[in-house]
Amino acid sequence: VSGLAGTFTACNIAVFGSVAPMLGSVNSRAGRAVRALQPLGWLFLGMAAVSVTYGAVVGLVGTSMPQFSQAQPVAGELSGRTVQSMVTFGVIGLAMFWLGLSALGYTRDPFAKASRRFPQAQTVFMGVLVGGFLVGRPYPLFRQLFRDAAQSGNPLYGASAFLLQSIGNVLVIAVVFFLLAYFAGGRAAAWMTADPGRMAAVTAVTLIVAGVFTFLYWDVRILARREVIPWYPIAPWAA
């Protein structure tokens, strides 16, 4: 349930920027659907590496970790739990922003060399970013899962629980990709490949928007809410 609840986060939405390459050019609907799910396996590999490692650390270190704290926020101060979230999401947001710029050719592609030998390198890295949300996620439902794993004192249990959370996190994405590839894969792939810059533009926009939103929401907004900085724009209906 915790994984499903965190499905449509900014990082997961950015994954949809890679839909076009995943759809492929297979003629049959079933073939496109199966092929679309293959990169999700590499995406999940990156997620699983982070979730299993962090879950084991939680089970081993336990209640002394910053995320375990239930201290209430204090104006003008940043708790350890808040700092952990800000650093995690700040790095994730900046990484997505950089990848978006590199898709447009404005920055160096960090996977240019690695992709020649391992074409799935960036997909695995995107999985690492999605999995990284576990390290910073402060929401009550996930914190309950975190506290349960921390109090168990069992690294294997912590790793298994966090891996299960990641499975829930990617489940809806897998269903959406499968349906999209099955019913619209041919048309979408044809539209994307008709213009060489179209695929790069779609990928870049999703990554840049998700990256900027993640950084502003989890870093600048938090600093404003803790009264460390004086102001952050808030929509009238959210005040």
Protein backbone atom coordinates (compact mmCIF):
# COMPACT_ATOMS: atom_id res chain seq x y z
CA VAL A 1 0.00 0.00 0.00
CA SER A 2 2.86 2.36 0.80
CA GLY A 3 4.39 1.69 -2.61
CA LEU A 4 1.13 2.21 -4.46
CA ALA A 5 0.51 5.46 -2.57
CA GLY A 6 3.87 6.81 -3.73
CA THR A 7 3.47 5.79 -7.37
CA PHE A 8 2.75 9.15 -8.98
CA THR A 9 5.58 11.17 -7.51
CA ALA A 10 7.61 13.60 -9.61
CA CYS A 11 10.40 11.08 -10.19
CA ASN A 12 7.98 8.37 -11.34
CA ILE A 13 6.27 10.83 -13.69
CA ALA A 14 9.66 11.64 -15.23
CA VAL A 15 10.02 7.98 -16.14
CA PHE A 16 7.21 8.43 -18.67
CA GLY A 17 9.58 10.65 -20.65
CA SER A 18 11.22 7.42 -21.76
CA VAL A 19 8.00 5.84 -23.01
CA ALA A 20 8.77 6.35 -26.71
CA PRO A 21 12.05 4.40 -26.82
CA MET A 22 10.44 1.67 -24.74
CA LEU A 23 7.58 1.20 -27.17
CA GLY A 24 9.89 0.11 -29.93
CA SER A 25 8.96 -0.65 -33.51
CA VAL A 26 7.58 -4.20 -33.17
CA ASN A 27 4.55 -4.61 -35.41
CA SER A 28 2.34 -6.80 -33.23
CA ARG A 29 0.53 -5.36 -30.23
CA ALA A 30 1.64 -8.20 -27.96
CA GLY A 31 5.24 -7.80 -29.10
CA ARG A 32 5.22 -4.07 -28.37
CA ALA A 33 3.68 -4.64 -24.95
CA VAL A 34 6.27 -7.23 -23.96
CA ARG A 35 9.11 -5.09 -25.29
CA ALA A 36 7.83 -2.05 -23.38
CA LEU A 37 8.08 -3.97 -20.12
CA GLN A 38 11.72 -4.96 -20.64
CA PRO A 39 13.21 -1.56 -19.75
CA LEU A 40 11.01 -1.50 -16.67
CA GLY A 41 12.97 -4.51 -15.50
CA TRP A 42 16.16 -2.43 -15.68
CA LEU A 43 14.36 0.44 -13.98
CA PHE A 44 13.30 -1.88 -11.17
CA LEU A 45 16.85 -3.18 -10.86
CA GLY A 46 18.01 0.33 -9.94
CA MET A 47 15.09 0.77 -7.54
CA ALA A 48 15.71 -2.59 -5.89
CA ALA A 49 19.41 -1.89 -5.37
CA VAL A 50 18.57 1.24 -3.38
CA SER A 51 15.56 -0.15 -1.50
CA VAL A 52 17.29 -3.38 -0.45
CA THR A 53 20.44 -1.56 0.67
CA TYR A 54 18.58 1.15 2.56
CA GLY A 55 16.17 -1.37 4.10
CA ALA A 56 19.08 -3.44 5.39
CA VAL A 57 20.68 -0.31 6.87
CA VAL A 58 17.38 0.62 8.55
CA GLY A 59 17.06 -2.87 10.03
CA LEU A 60 20.67 -2.77 11.21
CA VAL A 61 20.99 0.80 12.54
CA GLY A 62 17.38 1.06 13.64
CA THR A 63 15.91 3.72 15.84
CA SER A 64 18.92 6.06 15.88
CA MET A 65 18.37 7.16 12.25
CA PRO A 66 17.02 10.68 11.57
CA GLN A 67 13.89 9.37 9.83
CA PHE A 68 12.84 7.60 13.04
CA SER A 69 12.45 10.88 14.90
CA GLN A 70 8.94 12.17 15.55
CA ALA A 71 10.00 15.57 16.81
CA GLN A 72 7.68 18.36 15.68
CA PRO A 73 9.10 21.04 13.33
CA VAL A 74 10.37 24.20 15.01
CA ALA A 75 10.45 27.57 13.24
CA GLY A 76 13.98 28.60 12.30
CA GLU A 77 15.42 25.12 12.80
CA LEU A 78 15.93 22.07 10.60
CA SER A 79 15.61 18.64 12.20
CA GLY A 80 17.75 15.71 11.14
CA ARG A 81 14.75 14.16 9.41
CA THR A 82 14.14 17.37 7.46
CA VAL A 83 17.78 17.68 6.42
CA GLN A 84 17.79 14.06 5.24
CA SER A 85 14.72 14.71 3.07
CA MET A 86 16.07 17.99 1.70
CA VAL A 87 19.45 16.54 0.75
CA THR A 88 17.91 13.44 -0.83
CA PHE A 89 15.27 15.21 -2.89
CA GLY A 90 17.60 18.08 -3.73
CA VAL A 91 20.12 15.69 -5.27
CA ILE A 92 17.35 13.81 -7.12
CA GLY A 93 15.87 17.04 -8.48
CA LEU A 94 19.21 18.41 -9.66
CA ALA A 95 20.11 15.06 -11.26
CA MET A 96 16.86 15.01 -13.26
CA PHE A 97 17.36 18.64 -14.26
CA TRP A 98 20.89 17.85 -15.52
CA LEU A 99 19.65 14.83 -17.49
CA GLY A 100 16.93 17.00 -19.05
CA LEU A 101 19.48 19.58 -20.17
CA SER A 102 21.76 16.85 -21.54
CA ALA A 103 18.84 15.47 -23.59
CA LEU A 104 18.68 18.89 -25.26
CA GLY A 105 22.45 18.98 -25.72
CA TYR A 106 23.08 21.87 -23.31
CA THR A 107 25.15 19.79 -20.86
CA ARG A 108 27.42 16.79 -21.20
CA ASP A 109 25.62 13.46 -21.23
CA PRO A 110 26.98 11.58 -18.17
CA PHE A 111 26.03 8.25 -19.75
CA ALA A 112 27.49 8.84 -23.21
CA LYS A 113 30.40 6.43 -22.73
CA ALA A 114 28.63 3.93 -20.50
CA SER A 115 25.67 3.62 -22.90
CA ARG A 116 27.93 2.34 -25.69
CA ARG A 117 28.65 -0.79 -23.66
CA PHE A 118 25.52 -0.83 -21.52
CA PRO A 119 22.54 0.81 -23.29
CA GLN A 120 20.37 0.44 -20.20
CA ALA A 121 22.68 2.55 -17.99
CA GLN A 122 20.44 5.62 -17.84
CA THR A 123 17.32 3.51 -17.27
CA VAL A 124 18.99 1.82 -14.29
CA PHE A 125 20.05 5.24 -12.99
CA MET A 126 16.46 6.48 -13.26
CA GLY A 127 15.52 3.48 -11.13
CA VAL A 128 18.13 4.55 -8.58
CA LEU A 129 16.55 8.02 -8.46
CA VAL A 130 13.07 6.55 -7.96
CA GLY A 131 14.41 4.23 -5.28
CA GLY A 132 16.08 7.23 -3.64
CA PHE A 133 12.66 8.56 -2.71
CA LEU A 134 12.68 5.93 0.05
CA VAL A 135 15.65 7.65 1.66
CA GLY A 136 13.90 11.00 1.89
CA ARG A 137 10.17 10.21 1.94
CA PRO A 138 8.66 11.64 5.16
CA TYR A 139 4.98 10.78 4.63
CA PRO A 140 3.15 9.09 7.56
CA LEU A 141 2.30 5.87 5.70
CA PHE A 142 5.89 5.28 4.68
CA ARG A 143 7.19 6.40 8.09
CA GLN A 144 5.08 3.67 9.68
CA LEU A 145 6.76 1.12 7.40
CA PHE A 146 10.16 2.65 8.24
CA ARG A 147 9.58 2.52 11.99
CA ASP A 148 8.43 -1.10 11.80
CA ALA A 149 11.61 -2.08 9.94
CA ALA A 150 13.80 -0.03 12.30
CA GLN A 151 12.27 -1.55 15.43
CA SER A 152 12.68 -5.07 14.08
CA GLY A 153 16.46 -4.86 14.30
CA ASN A 154 16.59 -7.35 11.41
CA PRO A 155 18.46 -6.25 8.24
CA LEU A 156 16.89 -9.05 6.17
CA TYR A 157 13.39 -8.02 7.23
CA GLY A 158 14.16 -4.36 6.50
CA ALA A 159 15.52 -5.21 3.04
CA SER A 160 12.50 -7.41 2.24
CA ALA A 161 9.95 -4.84 3.44
CA PHE A 162 11.53 -2.03 1.43
CA LEU A 163 11.83 -4.26 -1.65
CA LEU A 164 8.09 -5.01 -1.38
CA GLN A 165 7.46 -1.27 -1.17
CA SER A 166 9.38 -0.76 -4.43
CA ILE A 167 7.37 -3.50 -6.12
CA GLY A 168 4.19 -1.61 -5.22
CA ASN A 169 5.82 1.59 -6.42
CA VAL A 170 6.45 0.25 -9.94
CA LEU A 171 3.33 -1.92 -10.30
CA VAL A 172 0.99 0.79 -11.62
CA ILE A 173 3.68 2.10 -13.97
CA ALA A 174 4.10 -1.39 -15.41
CA VAL A 175 0.34 -1.70 -16.05
CA VAL A 176 0.17 1.75 -17.67
CA PHE A 177 3.19 1.02 -19.90
CA PHE A 178 1.74 -2.31 -20.95
CA LEU A 179 -1.64 -0.81 -21.88
CA LEU A 180 -0.05 2.16 -23.63
CA ALA A 181 2.23 -0.07 -25.67
CA TYR A 182 -0.59 -2.49 -26.51
CA PHE A 183 -3.20 0.04 -27.62
CA ALA A 184 -1.18 3.05 -28.80
CA GLY A 185 2.41 1.87 -29.14
CA GLY A 186 2.52 1.84 -32.93
CA ARG A 187 1.09 5.33 -33.39
CA ALA A 188 3.15 6.80 -30.55
CA ALA A 189 6.39 5.31 -31.86
CA ALA A 190 5.66 6.53 -35.41
CA TRP A 191 4.90 10.06 -34.15
CA MET A 192 8.08 10.14 -32.05
CA THR A 193 10.40 8.86 -34.76
CA ALA A 194 8.94 11.15 -37.46
CA ASP A 195 11.03 14.04 -36.12
CA PRO A 196 14.53 13.32 -34.69
CA GLY A 197 14.21 16.08 -32.09
CA ARG A 198 10.75 15.11 -30.89
CA MET A 199 11.85 12.24 -28.67
CA ALA A 200 14.61 14.32 -27.08
CA ALA A 201 12.18 17.19 -26.45
CA VAL A 202 9.62 14.98 -24.70
CA THR A 203 12.30 13.36 -22.55
CA ALA A 204 13.88 16.71 -21.71
CA VAL A 205 10.63 18.44 -20.77
CA THR A 206 9.51 15.67 -18.40
CA LEU A 207 12.91 15.51 -16.70
CA ILE A 208 13.34 19.28 -16.40
CA VAL A 209 9.81 19.88 -15.07
CA ALA A 210 10.06 17.01 -12.59
CA GLY A 211 13.57 18.06 -11.51
CA VAL A 212 12.68 21.72 -10.97
CA PHE A 213 9.48 20.81 -9.13
CA THR A 214 11.28 18.33 -6.86
CA PHE A 215 14.00 20.81 -5.93
CA LEU A 216 11.63 23.72 -5.32
CA TYR A 217 9.08 21.66 -3.41
CA TRP A 218 11.46 19.76 -1.16
CA ASP A 219 14.20 22.35 -0.63
CA VAL A 220 13.08 25.93 -1.22
CA ARG A 221 9.53 25.36 0.08
CA ILE A 222 10.75 23.55 3.20
CA LEU A 223 13.17 26.37 3.99
CA ALA A 224 10.30 28.85 3.73
CA ARG A 225 7.98 26.74 5.89
CA ARG A 226 10.67 26.51 8.58
CA GLU A 227 11.09 30.29 8.29
CA VAL A 228 14.74 29.94 7.28
CA ILE A 229 14.04 32.01 4.16
CA PRO A 230 11.34 34.71 4.08
CA TRP A 231 9.03 33.65 1.24
CA TYR A 232 7.92 30.93 -1.15
CA PRO A 233 5.06 31.29 -3.68
CA ILE A 234 1.94 29.37 -2.64
CA ALA A 235 -1.26 29.09 -4.67
CA PRO A 236 -4.24 30.83 -2.99
CA TRP A 237 -6.24 27.60 -2.73
CA ALA A 238 -3.32 25.88 -0.90
CA ALA A 239 -2.86 28.59 1.74
